[in-house]
Amino acid sequence: MTPATMQILEEALRLTPIQKAELIDKLFHSFDRSTDRRIDEAWSGEIESRIDAYENGNISADSAEAVLERVNQR
């Protein structure tokens, strides 16, 4: 990696998990310009809505272990 790339990586590693996920999503989608922006915007809105509902106590969440256990039982 170049020094500039290493600096970007070091800064990215200091981000919160949500910020890292958003950065990963943006970088991933930068490879494929053919995606429909309306779909991405709709999903982004849905995700934000669900995060807000969770943080406000309107919905609950299961652990990743519980979800994977249910998936593996199918």
C-alpha atoms as a PDB file:
ATOM      1  CA  MET A   1       0.000   0.000   0.000  1.00  0.00           C
ATOM      2  CA  THR A   2       1.067   3.531  -0.590  1.00  0.00           C
ATOM      3  CA  PRO A   3       1.652   5.835   2.387  1.00  0.00           C
ATOM      4  CA  ALA A   4      -1.540   7.731   1.515  1.00  0.00           C
ATOM      5  CA  THR A   5      -3.526   4.493   1.444  1.00  0.00           C
ATOM      6  CA  MET A   6      -2.058   3.424   4.788  1.00  0.00           C
ATOM      7  CA  GLN A   7      -3.075   6.768   6.299  1.00  0.00           C
ATOM      8  CA  ILE A   8      -6.637   6.326   5.010  1.00  0.00           C
ATOM      9  CA  LEU A   9      -6.736   2.803   6.446  1.00  0.00           C
ATOM     10  CA  GLU A  10      -5.478   3.968   9.841  1.00  0.00           C
ATOM     11  CA  GLU A  11      -8.171   6.659   9.936  1.00  0.00           C
ATOM     12  CA  ALA A  12     -10.855   4.202   8.806  1.00  0.00           C
ATOM     13  CA  LEU A  13      -9.940   1.788  11.595  1.00  0.00           C
ATOM     14  CA  ARG A  14     -10.752   4.508  14.137  1.00  0.00           C
ATOM     15  CA  LEU A  15     -14.343   4.821  12.870  1.00  0.00           C
ATOM     16  CA  THR A  16     -17.336   3.433  14.713  1.00  0.00           C
ATOM     17  CA  PRO A  17     -18.711   0.114  13.448  1.00  0.00           C
ATOM     18  CA  ILE A  18     -21.615   1.885  11.708  1.00  0.00           C
ATOM     19  CA  GLN A  19     -19.278   4.367  10.056  1.00  0.00           C
ATOM     20  CA  LYS A  20     -17.051   1.492   8.900  1.00  0.00           C
ATOM     21  CA  ALA A  21     -20.068  -0.305   7.432  1.00  0.00           C
ATOM     22  CA  GLU A  22     -21.145   2.844   5.585  1.00  0.00           C
ATOM     23  CA  LEU A  23     -17.615   3.312   4.234  1.00  0.00           C
ATOM     24  CA  ILE A  24     -17.424  -0.314   3.120  1.00  0.00           C
ATOM     25  CA  ASP A  25     -20.792   0.028   1.388  1.00  0.00           C
ATOM     26  CA  LYS A  26     -19.693   3.167  -0.462  1.00  0.00           C
ATOM     27  CA  LEU A  27     -16.388   1.598  -1.513  1.00  0.00           C
ATOM     28  CA  PHE A  28     -18.071  -1.627  -2.610  1.00  0.00           C
ATOM     29  CA  HIS A  29     -20.652   0.205  -4.685  1.00  0.00           C
ATOM     30  CA  SER A  30     -17.961   2.338  -6.290  1.00  0.00           C
ATOM     31  CA  PHE A  31     -16.975  -0.738  -8.313  1.00  0.00           C
ATOM     32  CA  ASP A  32     -20.417  -1.129  -9.862  1.00  0.00           C
ATOM     33  CA  ARG A  33     -21.969   2.001 -11.309  1.00  0.00           C
ATOM     34  CA  SER A  34     -24.938   0.083 -12.744  1.00  0.00           C
ATOM     35  CA  THR A  35     -26.943  -0.114  -9.520  1.00  0.00           C
ATOM     36  CA  ASP A  36     -30.236   1.677  -9.395  1.00  0.00           C
ATOM     37  CA  ARG A  37     -29.785   4.672  -7.077  1.00  0.00           C
ATOM     38  CA  ARG A  38     -33.493   4.628  -6.163  1.00  0.00           C
ATOM     39  CA  ILE A  39     -33.160   1.120  -4.747  1.00  0.00           C
ATOM     40  CA  ASP A  40     -30.072   2.106  -2.744  1.00  0.00           C
ATOM     41  CA  GLU A  41     -31.846   5.174  -1.376  1.00  0.00           C
ATOM     42  CA  ALA A  42     -34.925   3.132  -0.443  1.00  0.00           C
ATOM     43  CA  TRP A  43     -32.800   0.565   1.403  1.00  0.00           C
ATOM     44  CA  SER A  44     -30.815   3.293   3.133  1.00  0.00           C
ATOM     45  CA  GLY A  45     -34.046   4.859   4.352  1.00  0.00           C
ATOM     46  CA  GLU A  46     -35.328   1.489   5.566  1.00  0.00           C
ATOM     47  CA  ILE A  47     -32.096   0.749   7.386  1.00  0.00           C
ATOM     48  CA  GLU A  48     -32.074   4.142   9.093  1.00  0.00           C
ATOM     49  CA  SER A  49     -35.722   3.659  10.075  1.00  0.00           C
ATOM     50  CA  ARG A  50     -34.973   0.276  11.641  1.00  0.00           C
ATOM     51  CA  ILE A  51     -31.928   1.605  13.510  1.00  0.00           C
ATOM     52  CA  ASP A  52     -34.006   4.496  14.865  1.00  0.00           C
ATOM     53  CA  ALA A  53     -36.790   2.114  15.927  1.00  0.00           C
ATOM     54  CA  TYR A  54     -34.269  -0.119  17.707  1.00  0.00           C
ATOM     55  CA  GLU A  55     -32.563   2.793  19.449  1.00  0.00           C
ATOM     56  CA  ASN A  56     -35.951   4.181  20.550  1.00  0.00           C
ATOM     57  CA  GLY A  57     -36.952   0.804  21.995  1.00  0.00           C
ATOM     58  CA  ASN A  58     -39.750   0.235  19.484  1.00  0.00           C
ATOM     59  CA  ILE A  59     -38.256  -3.030  18.233  1.00  0.00           C
ATOM     60  CA  SER A  60     -35.827  -5.549  19.667  1.00  0.00           C
ATOM     61  CA  ALA A  61     -33.018  -7.489  18.078  1.00  0.00           C
ATOM     62  CA  ASP A  62     -31.681 -11.007  18.372  1.00  0.00           C
ATOM     63  CA  SER A  63     -28.020 -11.818  18.715  1.00  0.00           C
ATOM     64  CA  ALA A  64     -26.161 -13.012  15.649  1.00  0.00           C
ATOM     65  CA  GLU A  65     -25.759 -16.388  17.351  1.00  0.00           C
ATOM     66  CA  ALA A  66     -29.527 -16.766  17.781  1.00  0.00           C
ATOM     67  CA  VAL A  67     -30.200 -15.812  14.179  1.00  0.00           C
ATOM     68  CA  LEU A  68     -27.573 -18.219  12.838  1.00  0.00           C
ATOM     69  CA  GLU A  69     -28.932 -20.990  15.037  1.00  0.00           C
ATOM     70  CA  ARG A  70     -32.408 -20.517  13.539  1.00  0.00           C
ATOM     71  CA  VAL A  71     -30.988 -20.451  10.019  1.00  0.00           C
ATOM     72  CA  ASN A  72     -28.998 -23.629  10.604  1.00  0.00           C
ATOM     73  CA  GLN A  73     -32.095 -25.426  11.918  1.00  0.00           C
ATOM     74  CA  ARG A  74     -33.843 -25.075   8.556  1.00  0.00           C
END
